[in-house]
Amino acid sequence: MRTTVIRSLLATAVIASASGFLCADAAAEGTVGVLVLREHGVGSAAQAQPYVDKFVSVAAKQNGWGGAKGEYHTSRSNAEAFISAQKPQYGILSLGAFLGLKAKHNLDIIGQVAVNRAGGQQYHLISKTASDLAGCKGKALASDHADDPKFIDKVVSKGAFKLGDFTLVTTTRPIQTIKKVVSGDAACALVDDAQLAELGKIDGAAGIKSVWSSDKLPPMVVVAFPSAPADARKAFQANLGKICEGDGKATCGEVGILALKSATSADYAGVVTAYDK
């Protein structure tokens, strides 16, 4: 568990550094602000922030930036306070957060990042008593993802179910969700792929299995805020894939970054359409 937490935090930190690492043009005009918003991740903002600070500082030194500031958040309310106060140029957002903030903050998709064991690319209903989705409906469902019903109902389930079909047992921590099924406090649980991968490490979880799974969703989104200059934004987008090449390859592998590359709105069109219906 400790190794998983460290890898998750380090991966997020390197993502944050990648956001700034390639933005020398923007930095020449002032401080480059980078928001990392990872909802429902393992670990806390306080644990992750030192890694963000370290990598952003290294990137600034290597690139001769005038200044750089990165912040890691796990909730939209805290992230929006940072957006309002600091007006960052770039962000790395989990998919649900991106969909919820896209219109309000006029976010422009410029890339995507796949992180090993970060979670959020596929969701599962798990149970040790039910054998399928129908067996979970009407029963107690534990989840730490129930705070975003629009995302779950429209994007994750794609109409197969709604959170209102269950008696919700709201949890606040990823492992706590699974333990509700272990204890029998919930017949089923809605978890993401990172939580599912932890099943074998939890006492009493033998026999708990996935009884329904979502389609695979796009990875975390790299976005530009309106405050990012157009030329710097284009340069950043064009060079995204280079962060994990050369000297950066070993670092990406060490912290579990699978891919960091340019992307456009077309890569997320399906989930955006589903969310906006």
Protein backbone atom coordinates (compact mmCIF):
# COMPACT_ATOMS: atom_id res chain seq x y z
CA MET A 1 0.00 0.00 0.00
CA ARG A 2 2.82 2.44 0.92
CA THR A 3 4.52 1.81 -2.43
CA THR A 4 1.27 2.46 -4.28
CA VAL A 5 0.73 5.75 -2.45
CA ILE A 6 4.27 6.95 -3.14
CA ARG A 7 4.06 6.04 -6.83
CA SER A 8 0.71 7.79 -7.14
CA LEU A 9 2.01 10.95 -5.52
CA LEU A 10 5.25 10.95 -7.48
CA ALA A 11 3.41 10.36 -10.73
CA THR A 12 1.20 13.35 -10.06
CA ALA A 13 4.23 15.43 -9.17
CA VAL A 14 6.03 14.59 -12.39
CA ILE A 15 2.88 15.42 -14.34
CA ALA A 16 2.88 18.81 -12.68
CA SER A 17 6.52 19.34 -13.61
CA ALA A 18 5.76 18.32 -17.18
CA SER A 19 3.14 21.05 -17.37
CA GLY A 20 5.73 23.64 -16.62
CA PHE A 21 8.83 22.01 -18.06
CA LEU A 22 8.01 22.90 -21.62
CA CYS A 23 6.63 26.40 -21.14
CA ALA A 24 9.71 28.59 -21.19
CA ASP A 25 8.07 31.17 -23.46
CA ALA A 26 5.18 31.66 -21.05
CA ALA A 27 7.56 31.78 -18.09
CA ALA A 28 9.58 34.54 -19.69
CA GLU A 29 6.53 36.76 -19.28
CA GLY A 30 5.95 35.85 -15.62
CA THR A 31 5.19 33.02 -13.26
CA VAL A 32 3.85 29.85 -14.85
CA GLY A 33 0.94 28.56 -12.81
CA VAL A 34 0.13 24.85 -12.89
CA LEU A 35 -2.92 23.25 -11.31
CA VAL A 36 -3.00 19.51 -10.64
CA LEU A 37 -6.48 18.33 -9.67
CA ARG A 38 -6.70 14.62 -8.95
CA GLU A 39 -10.01 13.71 -7.41
CA HIS A 40 -10.42 10.43 -5.54
CA GLY A 41 -6.72 9.67 -5.66
CA VAL A 42 -4.63 7.84 -3.08
CA GLY A 43 -2.94 10.18 -0.62
CA SER A 44 -3.56 13.77 0.36
CA ALA A 45 -2.73 17.16 -1.10
CA ALA A 46 -0.35 17.78 1.80
CA GLN A 47 1.59 14.61 0.96
CA ALA A 48 1.78 15.38 -2.75
CA GLN A 49 2.59 19.10 -2.59
CA PRO A 50 6.31 18.74 -1.69
CA TYR A 51 6.81 16.61 -4.80
CA VAL A 52 5.04 19.19 -6.94
CA ASP A 53 7.18 21.96 -5.44
CA LYS A 54 10.40 20.01 -6.02
CA PHE A 55 9.75 19.15 -9.65
CA VAL A 56 8.43 22.58 -10.57
CA SER A 57 11.48 24.15 -8.92
CA VAL A 58 13.84 21.88 -10.86
CA ALA A 59 12.04 22.64 -14.13
CA ALA A 60 12.22 26.38 -13.44
CA LYS A 61 15.94 26.23 -12.74
CA GLN A 62 16.70 24.14 -15.79
CA ASN A 63 14.69 26.41 -18.09
CA GLY A 64 15.55 29.79 -16.64
CA TRP A 65 11.98 30.67 -15.81
CA GLY A 66 11.16 33.93 -14.16
CA GLY A 67 9.00 31.96 -11.71
CA ALA A 68 6.80 28.90 -11.39
CA LYS A 69 4.05 27.81 -9.03
CA GLY A 70 2.37 24.43 -8.98
CA GLU A 71 -0.40 23.34 -6.67
CA TYR A 72 -1.91 19.92 -6.11
CA HIS A 73 -5.54 19.64 -5.06
CA THR A 74 -7.96 16.81 -4.45
CA SER A 75 -11.22 18.81 -4.45
CA ARG A 76 -12.80 21.14 -6.99
CA SER A 77 -13.64 23.78 -4.40
CA ASN A 78 -10.00 24.14 -3.38
CA ALA A 79 -8.87 24.00 -7.00
CA GLU A 80 -11.28 26.76 -7.95
CA ALA A 81 -9.94 28.95 -5.17
CA PHE A 82 -6.47 28.49 -6.68
CA ILE A 83 -7.79 29.26 -10.16
CA SER A 84 -9.44 32.45 -8.95
CA ALA A 85 -6.43 33.65 -6.97
CA GLN A 86 -3.54 32.55 -9.21
CA LYS A 87 -5.04 32.30 -12.72
CA PRO A 88 -2.84 29.36 -13.77
CA GLN A 89 -1.88 28.82 -17.38
CA TYR A 90 -2.10 25.04 -17.40
CA GLY A 91 -3.75 22.19 -15.56
CA ILE A 92 -3.73 18.43 -15.26
CA LEU A 93 -7.24 17.28 -14.35
CA SER A 94 -8.94 13.99 -13.68
CA LEU A 95 -11.68 13.34 -16.21
CA GLY A 96 -14.70 14.08 -14.02
CA ALA A 97 -13.15 17.32 -12.79
CA PHE A 98 -12.38 18.39 -16.34
CA LEU A 99 -15.94 17.77 -17.50
CA GLY A 100 -17.34 19.65 -14.53
CA LEU A 101 -15.06 22.68 -14.94
CA LYS A 102 -14.66 22.82 -18.72
CA ALA A 103 -17.42 25.28 -19.57
CA LYS A 104 -17.06 27.46 -16.48
CA HIS A 105 -13.35 28.08 -17.01
CA ASN A 106 -13.20 27.80 -20.81
CA LEU A 107 -10.66 24.99 -20.68
CA ASP A 108 -8.85 24.06 -23.88
CA ILE A 109 -7.68 20.45 -24.27
CA ILE A 110 -4.03 20.31 -25.31
CA GLY A 111 -2.88 16.91 -24.08
CA GLN A 112 -3.44 13.78 -22.08
CA VAL A 113 -1.46 11.79 -19.59
CA ALA A 114 -1.84 8.14 -18.71
CA VAL A 115 -0.48 7.26 -15.29
CA ASN A 116 0.02 3.72 -14.06
CA ARG A 117 -2.41 2.90 -11.25
CA ALA A 118 -3.80 6.44 -11.13
CA GLY A 119 -7.36 5.19 -11.48
CA GLY A 120 -10.35 6.76 -13.17
CA GLN A 121 -10.12 5.14 -16.60
CA GLN A 122 -12.54 2.33 -15.86
CA TYR A 123 -15.16 1.82 -13.18
CA HIS A 124 -16.53 -1.37 -11.65
CA LEU A 125 -19.36 -2.56 -9.49
CA ILE A 126 -17.90 -5.10 -7.09
CA SER A 127 -19.64 -7.53 -4.77
CA LYS A 128 -19.19 -10.84 -2.95
CA THR A 129 -22.90 -11.68 -2.99
CA ALA A 130 -24.32 -10.27 -6.24
CA SER A 131 -23.42 -11.81 -9.57
CA ASP A 132 -24.36 -8.95 -11.91
CA LEU A 133 -25.65 -5.37 -12.09
CA ALA A 134 -29.23 -6.45 -11.51
CA GLY A 135 -28.17 -8.09 -8.26
CA CYS A 136 -26.83 -4.76 -7.00
CA LYS A 137 -29.81 -2.57 -7.89
CA GLY A 138 -31.96 -1.70 -4.93
CA LYS A 139 -29.21 -2.74 -2.54
CA ALA A 140 -26.74 -0.74 -0.46
CA LEU A 141 -23.95 0.62 -2.69
CA ALA A 142 -20.78 2.04 -1.17
CA SER A 143 -18.75 4.59 -3.13
CA ASP A 144 -16.43 7.53 -2.75
CA HIS A 145 -17.40 8.58 -6.30
CA ALA A 146 -21.02 9.41 -5.48
CA ASP A 147 -20.21 13.11 -5.06
CA ASP A 148 -20.36 13.51 -8.85
CA PRO A 149 -23.68 11.92 -9.89
CA LYS A 150 -23.77 13.61 -13.29
CA PHE A 151 -20.42 12.10 -14.24
CA ILE A 152 -21.38 8.65 -12.95
CA ASP A 153 -24.88 8.58 -14.45
CA LYS A 154 -24.01 10.01 -17.86
CA VAL A 155 -20.39 9.09 -18.57
CA VAL A 156 -19.49 6.09 -16.42
CA SER A 157 -22.71 4.08 -16.60
CA LYS A 158 -23.87 5.41 -19.99
CA GLY A 159 -27.45 4.77 -18.94
CA ALA A 160 -26.94 1.26 -17.54
CA PHE A 161 -27.79 2.56 -14.08
CA LYS A 162 -28.15 5.70 -12.01
CA LEU A 163 -26.91 6.25 -8.51
CA GLY A 164 -30.56 6.67 -7.56
CA ASP A 165 -31.06 2.97 -8.32
CA PHE A 166 -29.20 2.09 -5.13
CA THR A 167 -29.23 2.92 -1.44
CA LEU A 168 -26.03 4.92 -1.25
CA VAL A 169 -23.44 4.39 1.45
CA THR A 170 -21.18 7.39 0.96
CA THR A 171 -17.49 6.96 1.78
CA THR A 172 -14.62 9.42 1.73
CA ARG A 173 -11.60 7.20 1.16
CA PRO A 174 -10.88 4.67 -1.60
CA ILE A 175 -10.09 1.71 0.63
CA GLN A 176 -12.95 2.52 2.99
CA THR A 177 -15.31 1.84 0.08
CA ILE A 178 -14.05 -1.72 -0.34
CA LYS A 179 -14.12 -2.35 3.40
CA LYS A 180 -17.85 -1.59 3.42
CA VAL A 181 -18.35 -4.62 1.19
CA VAL A 182 -15.95 -6.70 3.29
CA SER A 183 -17.91 -5.89 6.43
CA GLY A 184 -21.29 -6.43 4.83
CA ASP A 185 -22.37 -2.82 5.32
CA ALA A 186 -22.89 -2.65 1.56
CA ALA A 187 -23.86 -5.38 -0.88
CA CYS A 188 -21.92 -3.72 -3.70
CA ALA A 189 -19.48 -0.89 -4.29
CA LEU A 190 -18.69 1.42 -7.18
CA VAL A 191 -14.91 1.66 -7.53
CA ASP A 192 -12.39 2.67 -10.15
CA ASP A 193 -9.61 0.59 -11.63
CA ALA A 194 -7.03 1.66 -9.04
CA GLN A 195 -9.31 0.57 -6.21
CA LEU A 196 -10.05 -2.73 -7.94
CA ALA A 197 -6.32 -3.41 -8.14
CA GLU A 198 -6.09 -3.14 -4.34
CA LEU A 199 -8.58 -5.94 -3.67
CA GLY A 200 -5.92 -8.60 -3.22
CA LYS A 201 -4.17 -6.54 -0.53
CA ILE A 202 -7.19 -6.06 1.73
CA ASP A 203 -7.95 -8.52 4.53
CA GLY A 204 -11.27 -10.23 4.04
CA ALA A 205 -11.65 -9.20 0.40
CA ALA A 206 -11.37 -12.74 -0.96
CA GLY A 207 -14.43 -13.51 -3.02
CA ILE A 208 -15.16 -9.90 -3.91
CA LYS A 209 -15.24 -9.56 -7.68
CA SER A 210 -16.25 -7.19 -10.46
CA VAL A 211 -19.82 -7.85 -11.56
CA TRP A 212 -20.07 -4.92 -14.00
CA SER A 213 -17.51 -2.71 -15.70
CA SER A 214 -17.70 0.53 -17.65
CA ASP A 215 -16.15 1.24 -21.00
CA LYS A 216 -12.56 2.39 -20.78
CA LEU A 217 -12.50 6.18 -20.50
CA PRO A 218 -9.90 8.69 -21.73
CA PRO A 219 -7.01 9.44 -19.35
CA MET A 220 -6.36 12.57 -17.31
CA VAL A 221 -6.58 15.76 -19.34
CA VAL A 222 -3.90 18.38 -19.91
CA VAL A 223 -5.62 21.74 -20.37
CA ALA A 224 -4.75 25.33 -21.07
CA PHE A 225 -6.56 28.15 -19.31
CA PRO A 226 -7.41 31.39 -21.12
CA SER A 227 -4.46 33.01 -19.34
CA ALA A 228 -1.99 30.90 -21.37
CA PRO A 229 -0.56 32.89 -24.32
CA ALA A 230 -1.49 31.35 -27.66
CA ASP A 231 2.09 30.88 -28.90
CA ALA A 232 3.28 29.32 -25.64
CA ARG A 233 0.23 27.07 -25.59
CA LYS A 234 0.98 25.76 -29.07
CA ALA A 235 4.64 25.15 -28.24
CA PHE A 236 3.72 23.34 -25.04
CA GLN A 237 1.24 21.13 -26.85
CA ALA A 238 3.68 20.27 -29.63
CA ASN A 239 6.38 19.23 -27.16
CA LEU A 240 4.32 17.30 -24.62
CA GLY A 241 5.55 13.90 -25.77
CA LYS A 242 9.21 14.83 -25.28
CA ILE A 243 9.05 14.94 -21.49
CA CYS A 244 9.37 11.16 -21.28
CA GLU A 245 12.19 10.93 -23.81
CA GLY A 246 15.93 11.11 -23.22
CA ASP A 247 16.81 11.97 -19.64
CA GLY A 248 13.14 12.03 -18.71
CA LYS A 249 12.45 8.44 -19.78
CA ALA A 250 13.81 6.82 -16.65
CA THR A 251 11.96 9.26 -14.42
CA CYS A 252 8.65 8.62 -16.16
CA GLY A 253 9.14 4.88 -15.85
CA GLU A 254 10.10 5.11 -12.19
CA VAL A 255 6.96 6.96 -11.17
CA GLY A 256 4.60 5.07 -13.47
CA ILE A 257 3.85 7.54 -16.26
CA LEU A 258 2.71 5.50 -19.24
CA ALA A 259 2.24 8.29 -21.76
CA LEU A 260 2.21 12.06 -22.01
CA LYS A 261 1.19 13.39 -25.39
CA SER A 262 -0.62 16.04 -27.37
CA ALA A 263 -4.40 15.73 -27.63
CA THR A 264 -7.33 17.74 -28.96
CA SER A 265 -11.03 18.06 -28.24
CA ALA A 266 -11.65 15.21 -30.69
CA ASP A 267 -9.98 12.77 -28.28
CA TYR A 268 -12.58 13.60 -25.62
CA ALA A 269 -15.59 14.27 -27.85
CA GLY A 270 -17.44 11.13 -26.78
CA VAL A 271 -17.33 11.82 -23.05
CA VAL A 272 -18.01 15.55 -23.50
CA THR A 273 -21.12 14.75 -25.58
CA ALA A 274 -22.36 12.20 -23.04
CA TYR A 275 -21.80 14.61 -20.16
CA ASP A 276 -23.59 17.50 -21.86
CA LYS A 277 -26.70 15.53 -22.91
